Protein backbone atom coordinates (compact mmCIF):
# COMPACT_ATOMS: atom_id res chain seq x y z
CA MET A 1 0.00 0.00 0.00
CA VAL A 2 1.34 3.37 -1.03
CA VAL A 3 1.32 5.99 1.67
CA ASN A 4 0.75 9.51 0.43
CA LYS A 5 2.86 12.17 2.01
CA HIS A 6 0.20 14.91 1.81
CA LYS A 7 -3.59 14.83 2.11
CA LYS A 8 -5.60 14.69 -1.11
CA HIS A 9 -7.18 18.16 -0.85
CA THR A 10 -3.76 19.66 -0.23
CA ARG A 11 -2.30 17.94 -3.28
CA LEU A 12 -5.18 19.15 -5.48
CA ARG A 13 -4.87 22.83 -4.55
CA GLY A 14 -4.55 24.83 -7.77
CA ASN A 15 -6.15 22.06 -9.81
CA ARG A 16 -9.46 23.31 -11.22
CA THR A 17 -11.35 20.02 -11.32
CA HIS A 18 -9.88 18.12 -8.34
CA GLY A 19 -9.80 14.90 -10.30
CA TRP A 20 -13.39 14.92 -11.57
CA GLY A 21 -12.59 15.78 -15.18
CA ASP A 22 -14.29 18.52 -17.19
CA LYS A 23 -18.02 17.83 -17.08
CA LYS A 24 -20.04 16.79 -14.04
CA HIS A 25 -19.60 17.42 -10.31
CA ARG A 26 -19.96 21.16 -10.71
CA GLY A 27 -22.95 21.63 -8.39
CA SER A 28 -26.52 22.45 -9.38
CA GLY A 29 -25.46 24.07 -12.59
CA ASN A 30 -25.00 20.71 -14.20
CA ARG A 31 -28.72 19.94 -13.88
CA GLY A 32 -29.91 23.44 -14.81
CA GLY A 33 -30.38 24.93 -11.36
CA LYS A 34 -32.30 24.09 -8.23
CA GLY A 35 -36.06 23.80 -7.81
CA ASN A 36 -38.13 25.32 -10.60
CA ALA A 37 -35.21 27.16 -12.16
CA GLY A 38 -35.28 27.15 -15.93
CA THR A 39 -39.03 26.81 -16.43
CA GLY A 40 -39.22 30.26 -17.98
CA LYS A 41 -36.87 30.04 -20.95
CA ARG A 42 -37.58 26.54 -22.18
CA SER A 43 -40.36 27.29 -24.68
CA ASP A 44 -43.04 24.71 -23.98
CA CYS A 45 -40.62 21.97 -23.07
CA ARG A 46 -40.64 22.27 -19.30
CA LYS A 47 -43.56 24.64 -18.73
CA PRO A 48 -46.43 22.16 -19.09
CA SER A 49 -45.00 20.07 -16.31
CA VAL A 50 -45.54 22.92 -13.83
CA TRP A 51 -48.89 24.23 -15.12
CA LYS A 52 -50.74 21.83 -12.83
CA TYR A 53 -49.37 23.62 -9.75
CA PRO A 54 -51.22 26.95 -9.42
CA GLU A 55 -49.20 27.89 -6.33
CA LEU A 56 -46.15 28.35 -8.56
CA PHE A 57 -47.80 31.24 -10.41
CA GLY A 58 -49.04 34.66 -9.35
CA LYS A 59 -48.54 36.85 -6.32
CA HIS A 60 -48.72 35.41 -2.82
CA GLY A 61 -47.32 37.99 -0.41
CA PHE A 62 -48.56 41.14 1.23
CA ARG A 63 -51.68 43.00 0.20
CA LYS A 64 -51.61 46.50 -1.20
CA LYS A 65 -52.27 49.35 1.21
CA ASN A 66 -54.60 51.41 -0.96
CA ILE A 67 -57.26 48.96 -2.06
CA LYS A 68 -59.71 50.82 -4.25
CA VAL A 69 -63.46 50.22 -4.01
CA THR A 70 -65.10 49.12 -7.25
CA VAL A 71 -67.93 51.53 -7.88
CA LYS A 72 -71.16 50.16 -9.29
CA GLY A 73 -73.49 53.10 -9.77
CA VAL A 74 -77.18 53.44 -10.51
CA ASN A 75 -79.10 56.53 -11.64
CA VAL A 76 -82.14 57.86 -9.79
CA SER A 77 -84.18 57.52 -13.00
CA TYR A 78 -83.50 53.75 -13.04
CA ILE A 79 -84.67 53.44 -9.43
CA GLU A 80 -87.82 55.41 -10.25
CA GLU A 81 -88.63 53.19 -13.25
CA HIS A 82 -87.80 49.83 -11.59
CA ILE A 83 -89.19 50.42 -8.10
CA ASN A 84 -91.61 47.48 -8.41
CA SER A 85 -88.86 44.99 -9.29
CA LEU A 86 -86.76 46.33 -6.39
CA ILE A 87 -89.69 45.73 -4.00
CA SER A 88 -90.21 42.17 -5.31
CA SER A 89 -86.49 41.37 -4.94
CA GLY A 90 -86.49 42.57 -1.31
CA ALA A 91 -84.17 45.55 -1.86
CA ALA A 92 -87.00 48.06 -1.25
CA LYS A 93 -90.12 48.47 0.91
CA GLU A 94 -93.01 50.90 0.82
CA SER A 95 -94.46 52.44 3.97
CA ASN A 96 -96.76 55.48 4.17
CA GLY A 97 -95.97 56.57 0.60
CA VAL A 98 -92.19 56.51 1.21
CA PHE A 99 -89.99 53.92 -0.50
CA ASP A 100 -87.12 52.60 1.64
CA ILE A 101 -84.37 51.33 -0.68
CA ASP A 102 -81.13 49.58 0.28
CA LEU A 103 -78.84 49.92 -2.74
CA GLU A 104 -76.38 47.33 -1.41
CA LYS A 105 -79.11 44.66 -1.45
CA ALA A 106 -79.94 45.72 -5.01
CA GLY A 107 -76.29 45.20 -6.03
CA TYR A 108 -75.16 48.84 -6.25
CA ASN A 109 -72.98 51.02 -4.05
CA LYS A 110 -73.30 54.52 -5.55
CA LEU A 111 -76.30 56.67 -6.37
CA LEU A 112 -75.95 58.83 -9.49
CA GLY A 113 -78.03 61.87 -10.43
CA ARG A 114 -79.24 61.38 -14.00
CA GLY A 115 -83.00 61.64 -14.36
CA ARG A 116 -85.92 63.04 -12.34
CA VAL A 117 -87.46 61.81 -9.11
CA ASN A 118 -91.21 62.19 -8.48
CA LYS A 119 -91.65 59.74 -5.59
CA LYS A 120 -90.45 60.05 -2.01
CA LEU A 121 -87.39 57.84 -1.68
CA ARG A 122 -85.36 57.05 1.43
CA ILE A 123 -82.17 55.53 0.01
CA LYS A 124 -79.44 53.84 2.03
CA THR A 125 -76.08 53.81 0.23
CA ALA A 126 -72.38 54.27 0.95
CA TYR A 127 -71.72 56.73 -1.89
CA ALA A 128 -73.82 59.28 -3.76
CA SER A 129 -73.19 62.22 -6.09
CA LYS A 130 -74.24 65.72 -5.03
CA ARG A 131 -76.69 65.92 -7.91
CA ALA A 132 -78.34 62.65 -6.85
CA VAL A 133 -78.73 63.81 -3.24
CA GLU A 134 -80.23 67.11 -4.42
CA ALA A 135 -82.70 65.34 -6.73
CA VAL A 136 -83.91 62.95 -4.02
CA GLU A 137 -84.24 65.70 -1.39
CA LYS A 138 -86.08 67.96 -3.86
CA ALA A 139 -88.75 65.24 -4.20
CA GLY A 140 -89.08 65.04 -0.39
CA GLY A 141 -86.85 62.03 0.21
CA SER A 142 -83.45 61.51 1.84
CA VAL A 143 -80.13 59.73 1.29
CA GLU A 144 -78.66 57.95 4.34
CA GLY A 145 -75.53 56.00 5.26
CA LEU A 146 -73.06 58.08 3.26
CA THR A 147 -69.40 57.68 4.17
CA PRO A 148 -67.84 61.01 5.23
CA GLU A 149 -65.42 62.50 2.72
CA GLU A 150 -61.84 62.78 3.82
CA LYS A 151 -60.61 66.32 3.99
CA LYS A 152 -57.99 66.91 1.38
CA LYS A 153 -54.71 68.18 2.71
CA PRO A 154 -53.35 71.27 1.00
CA ALA A 155 -50.37 70.50 -1.19
CA ASP A 156 -47.07 71.33 0.42
CA LYS A 157 -45.27 74.19 -1.25
CA PRO A 158 -41.81 73.37 -2.53
CA ALA A 159 -39.00 74.64 -0.34
CA LYS A 160 -37.37 77.84 -1.54
CA MET A 161 -33.72 77.60 -2.46
CA THR A 162 -31.42 80.15 -0.94
CA MET A 163 -28.00 80.96 -2.26
CA MET A 164 -25.23 81.45 0.27
């Protein structure tokens, strides 16, 4: 048995491949990366194999701060014309000549002002235009449940530059 004077890793210092030759034993690069690496630039070769895993696609982290409300508006003229269908669907009731309407139950969240109102309407909604509120109140009705508007802050003036 031959006894080596120095340890193997010491003898192979300065040798690029350490006895493994030119090809394999280079780490993950030999197999194209770790995990799902390489699924993007392989045309349709490797992609179909990962399509069945929906968790590999899309966003999964934090939610955005400023989530915007999707506005679905309805005009006062539409409410006036379709009051009977709103009553039958349970989104409106009539009592003492006043129609109580919950727009959220009807599938809307904003009252818009196009059209005329001849009936007394008491409408509950989160959002309404000024013109819609005026039209309903002019006919003797009211709009309730509005969210208060946030006061807009005045824009900060840019700082003046001074030369020294």
